[in-house]
N, C-alpha and C. Protein backbone atom coordinates (compact mmCIF):
# COMPACT_ATOMS: atom_id res chain seq x y z
N MET A 1 14.07 5.22 0.80
CA MET A 1 13.19 4.77 -0.26
C MET A 1 12.70 3.36 0.07
N PRO A 2 11.39 3.15 -0.02
CA PRO A 2 10.86 1.81 0.26
C PRO A 2 11.25 0.84 -0.86
N GLU A 3 11.15 -0.44 -0.55
CA GLU A 3 11.39 -1.48 -1.54
C GLU A 3 10.04 -1.96 -2.07
N VAL A 4 10.02 -2.47 -3.29
CA VAL A 4 8.79 -2.98 -3.89
C VAL A 4 8.16 -3.99 -2.93
N GLY A 5 6.87 -3.80 -2.68
CA GLY A 5 6.14 -4.70 -1.78
C GLY A 5 6.04 -4.21 -0.36
N ASP A 6 6.83 -3.19 0.01
CA ASP A 6 6.74 -2.63 1.37
C ASP A 6 5.39 -1.97 1.56
N LEU A 7 4.84 -2.12 2.74
CA LEU A 7 3.61 -1.44 3.08
C LEU A 7 3.96 -0.04 3.55
N VAL A 8 3.30 0.95 2.94
CA VAL A 8 3.60 2.35 3.25
C VAL A 8 2.32 3.11 3.53
N ARG A 9 2.48 4.26 4.16
CA ARG A 9 1.35 5.15 4.44
C ARG A 9 1.59 6.47 3.74
N ASP A 10 0.60 6.91 3.00
CA ASP A 10 0.63 8.21 2.35
C ASP A 10 0.04 9.21 3.34
N THR A 11 0.88 10.01 3.97
CA THR A 11 0.42 10.91 5.03
C THR A 11 -0.46 12.03 4.49
N ALA A 12 -0.37 12.32 3.19
CA ALA A 12 -1.22 13.37 2.61
C ALA A 12 -2.68 12.93 2.53
N THR A 13 -2.90 11.63 2.33
CA THR A 13 -4.26 11.13 2.19
C THR A 13 -4.69 10.24 3.36
N GLY A 14 -3.70 9.72 4.11
CA GLY A 14 -4.00 8.80 5.19
C GLY A 14 -4.16 7.37 4.72
N LEU A 15 -3.98 7.14 3.42
CA LEU A 15 -4.16 5.80 2.86
C LEU A 15 -2.92 4.94 3.06
N VAL A 16 -3.15 3.64 3.17
CA VAL A 16 -2.07 2.67 3.32
C VAL A 16 -2.12 1.74 2.12
N GLY A 17 -0.95 1.43 1.57
CA GLY A 17 -0.89 0.53 0.43
C GLY A 17 0.51 -0.02 0.25
N PHE A 18 0.67 -0.80 -0.82
CA PHE A 18 1.95 -1.42 -1.12
C PHE A 18 2.71 -0.60 -2.15
N TYR A 19 3.96 -0.32 -1.84
CA TYR A 19 4.82 0.42 -2.77
C TYR A 19 5.05 -0.44 -4.01
N VAL A 20 4.82 0.16 -5.19
CA VAL A 20 4.93 -0.57 -6.45
C VAL A 20 6.14 -0.13 -7.25
N ASP A 21 6.34 1.18 -7.37
CA ASP A 21 7.40 1.69 -8.25
C ASP A 21 7.55 3.18 -8.02
N SER A 22 8.57 3.73 -8.64
CA SER A 22 8.80 5.17 -8.63
C SER A 22 8.85 5.62 -10.09
N VAL A 23 8.02 6.61 -10.43
CA VAL A 23 7.95 7.09 -11.81
C VAL A 23 7.97 8.62 -11.79
N ALA A 24 8.92 9.18 -12.51
CA ALA A 24 9.03 10.63 -12.64
C ALA A 24 9.05 11.33 -11.28
N GLY A 25 9.77 10.74 -10.33
CA GLY A 25 9.90 11.36 -9.02
C GLY A 25 8.71 11.18 -8.10
N ARG A 26 7.73 10.38 -8.50
CA ARG A 26 6.55 10.11 -7.67
C ARG A 26 6.52 8.63 -7.35
N TYR A 27 5.93 8.28 -6.21
CA TYR A 27 5.78 6.88 -5.83
C TYR A 27 4.42 6.38 -6.30
N LEU A 28 4.40 5.15 -6.79
CA LEU A 28 3.14 4.49 -7.12
C LEU A 28 2.83 3.52 -5.99
N ILE A 29 1.62 3.62 -5.46
CA ILE A 29 1.20 2.81 -4.32
C ILE A 29 -0.11 2.12 -4.68
N ARG A 30 -0.15 0.79 -4.48
CA ARG A 30 -1.35 0.01 -4.78
C ARG A 30 -2.16 -0.18 -3.50
N PRO A 31 -3.46 0.07 -3.58
CA PRO A 31 -4.30 -0.14 -2.39
C PRO A 31 -4.18 -1.58 -1.88
N VAL A 32 -4.31 -1.74 -0.60
CA VAL A 32 -4.20 -3.05 0.04
C VAL A 32 -5.23 -4.02 -0.53
N SER A 33 -6.44 -3.56 -0.76
CA SER A 33 -7.50 -4.45 -1.24
C SER A 33 -7.52 -4.57 -2.75
N GLY A 34 -6.49 -4.06 -3.42
CA GLY A 34 -6.41 -4.15 -4.87
C GLY A 34 -6.96 -2.90 -5.53
N GLY A 35 -6.88 -2.85 -6.81
CA GLY A 35 -7.37 -1.69 -7.55
C GLY A 35 -6.22 -0.90 -8.14
N CYS A 36 -6.56 0.25 -8.65
CA CYS A 36 -5.58 1.10 -9.33
C CYS A 36 -4.63 1.76 -8.33
N ALA A 37 -3.38 1.80 -8.72
CA ALA A 37 -2.38 2.48 -7.88
C ALA A 37 -2.58 3.98 -7.93
N TRP A 38 -2.16 4.66 -6.88
CA TRP A 38 -2.19 6.12 -6.89
C TRP A 38 -0.77 6.63 -6.77
N GLU A 39 -0.59 7.88 -7.16
CA GLU A 39 0.71 8.52 -7.06
C GLU A 39 0.81 9.31 -5.76
N ALA A 40 2.00 9.31 -5.20
CA ALA A 40 2.22 10.07 -3.97
C ALA A 40 3.57 10.76 -4.03
N ASP A 41 3.63 11.89 -3.39
CA ASP A 41 4.90 12.61 -3.26
C ASP A 41 5.76 11.83 -2.27
N PRO A 42 6.99 11.51 -2.62
CA PRO A 42 7.85 10.74 -1.70
C PRO A 42 7.98 11.37 -0.31
N ARG A 43 7.86 12.69 -0.22
CA ARG A 43 7.96 13.36 1.09
C ARG A 43 6.78 13.02 1.99
N ASP A 44 5.68 12.55 1.37
CA ASP A 44 4.47 12.22 2.13
C ASP A 44 4.34 10.74 2.45
N VAL A 45 5.35 9.95 2.08
CA VAL A 45 5.26 8.50 2.24
C VAL A 45 6.22 8.02 3.33
N GLN A 46 5.68 7.19 4.22
CA GLN A 46 6.50 6.60 5.27
C GLN A 46 6.15 5.12 5.39
N LEU A 47 7.11 4.34 5.87
CA LEU A 47 6.83 2.92 6.09
C LEU A 47 5.73 2.79 7.13
N ALA A 48 4.85 1.85 6.92
CA ALA A 48 3.74 1.64 7.86
C ALA A 48 4.26 1.03 9.15
N THR A 49 3.60 1.35 10.24
CA THR A 49 3.94 0.76 11.53
C THR A 49 3.55 -0.72 11.52
N PRO A 50 4.14 -1.52 12.40
CA PRO A 50 3.77 -2.95 12.45
C PRO A 50 2.27 -3.17 12.62
N MET A 51 1.61 -2.36 13.44
CA MET A 51 0.16 -2.54 13.64
C MET A 51 -0.61 -2.22 12.37
N ARG A 52 -0.23 -1.15 11.68
CA ARG A 52 -0.89 -0.82 10.41
C ARG A 52 -0.65 -1.93 9.39
N GLU A 53 0.56 -2.47 9.39
CA GLU A 53 0.88 -3.54 8.44
C GLU A 53 0.03 -4.76 8.73
N LEU A 54 -0.12 -5.13 9.98
CA LEU A 54 -0.94 -6.28 10.35
C LEU A 54 -2.38 -6.06 9.90
N ARG A 55 -2.93 -4.89 10.17
CA ARG A 55 -4.32 -4.59 9.77
C ARG A 55 -4.47 -4.63 8.25
N ALA A 56 -3.51 -4.05 7.55
CA ALA A 56 -3.58 -4.00 6.09
C ALA A 56 -3.49 -5.39 5.49
N ARG A 57 -2.59 -6.21 6.01
CA ARG A 57 -2.45 -7.56 5.45
C ARG A 57 -3.69 -8.40 5.76
N ALA A 58 -4.30 -8.21 6.92
CA ALA A 58 -5.54 -8.91 7.23
C ALA A 58 -6.65 -8.44 6.29
N ALA A 59 -6.70 -7.15 6.00
CA ALA A 59 -7.70 -6.62 5.07
C ALA A 59 -7.50 -7.20 3.67
N GLU A 60 -6.24 -7.34 3.26
CA GLU A 60 -5.96 -7.91 1.94
C GLU A 60 -6.42 -9.36 1.88
N ILE A 61 -6.15 -10.14 2.91
CA ILE A 61 -6.57 -11.54 2.95
C ILE A 61 -8.09 -11.63 2.93
N ASN A 62 -8.76 -10.77 3.69
CA ASN A 62 -10.22 -10.77 3.71
C ASN A 62 -10.80 -10.41 2.35
N ALA A 63 -10.19 -9.43 1.67
CA ALA A 63 -10.66 -9.02 0.35
C ALA A 63 -10.49 -10.16 -0.64
N ARG A 64 -9.37 -10.86 -0.58
CA ARG A 64 -9.14 -12.00 -1.47
C ARG A 64 -10.17 -13.10 -1.19
N SER A 65 -10.46 -13.31 0.07
CA SER A 65 -11.42 -14.35 0.45
C SER A 65 -12.81 -14.02 -0.11
N ARG A 66 -13.19 -12.75 -0.04
CA ARG A 66 -14.49 -12.33 -0.56
C ARG A 66 -14.57 -12.52 -2.07
N ARG A 67 -13.42 -12.38 -2.74
CA ARG A 67 -13.39 -12.55 -4.20
C ARG A 67 -13.18 -14.01 -4.59
N GLY A 68 -13.03 -14.89 -3.61
CA GLY A 68 -12.85 -16.30 -3.87
C GLY A 68 -11.45 -16.68 -4.29
N LEU A 69 -10.46 -15.85 -3.93
CA LEU A 69 -9.08 -16.13 -4.26
C LEU A 69 -8.37 -16.69 -3.05
N SER A 70 -7.39 -17.52 -3.27
CA SER A 70 -6.59 -18.03 -2.15
C SER A 70 -5.43 -17.10 -1.90
N SER A 71 -4.80 -17.21 -0.75
CA SER A 71 -3.66 -16.36 -0.39
C SER A 71 -2.56 -16.70 -1.26
C-alpha cells in the first residue's frame, strides 16, 4: 500500500498522480497538475518509477509556475 504523497501509476488508465487516501477499498489519486482526484482499483496501482516521478514532479512545478504559485 502506498503512503500519502507517493507518486503512483494507475495501470488501467496510464495516468500518474499522487496517492491521497483509500476509501471503501479504492485508492484516491490526485493528478500531478492538480484537479479532482480519481478512484482506482488497488490492483491497478503501482509505485511510479524514478523517471516517471521526476517527469511528474517537473510537470507539477511547471503547472504551479503557470498559475503563478511558488513551489
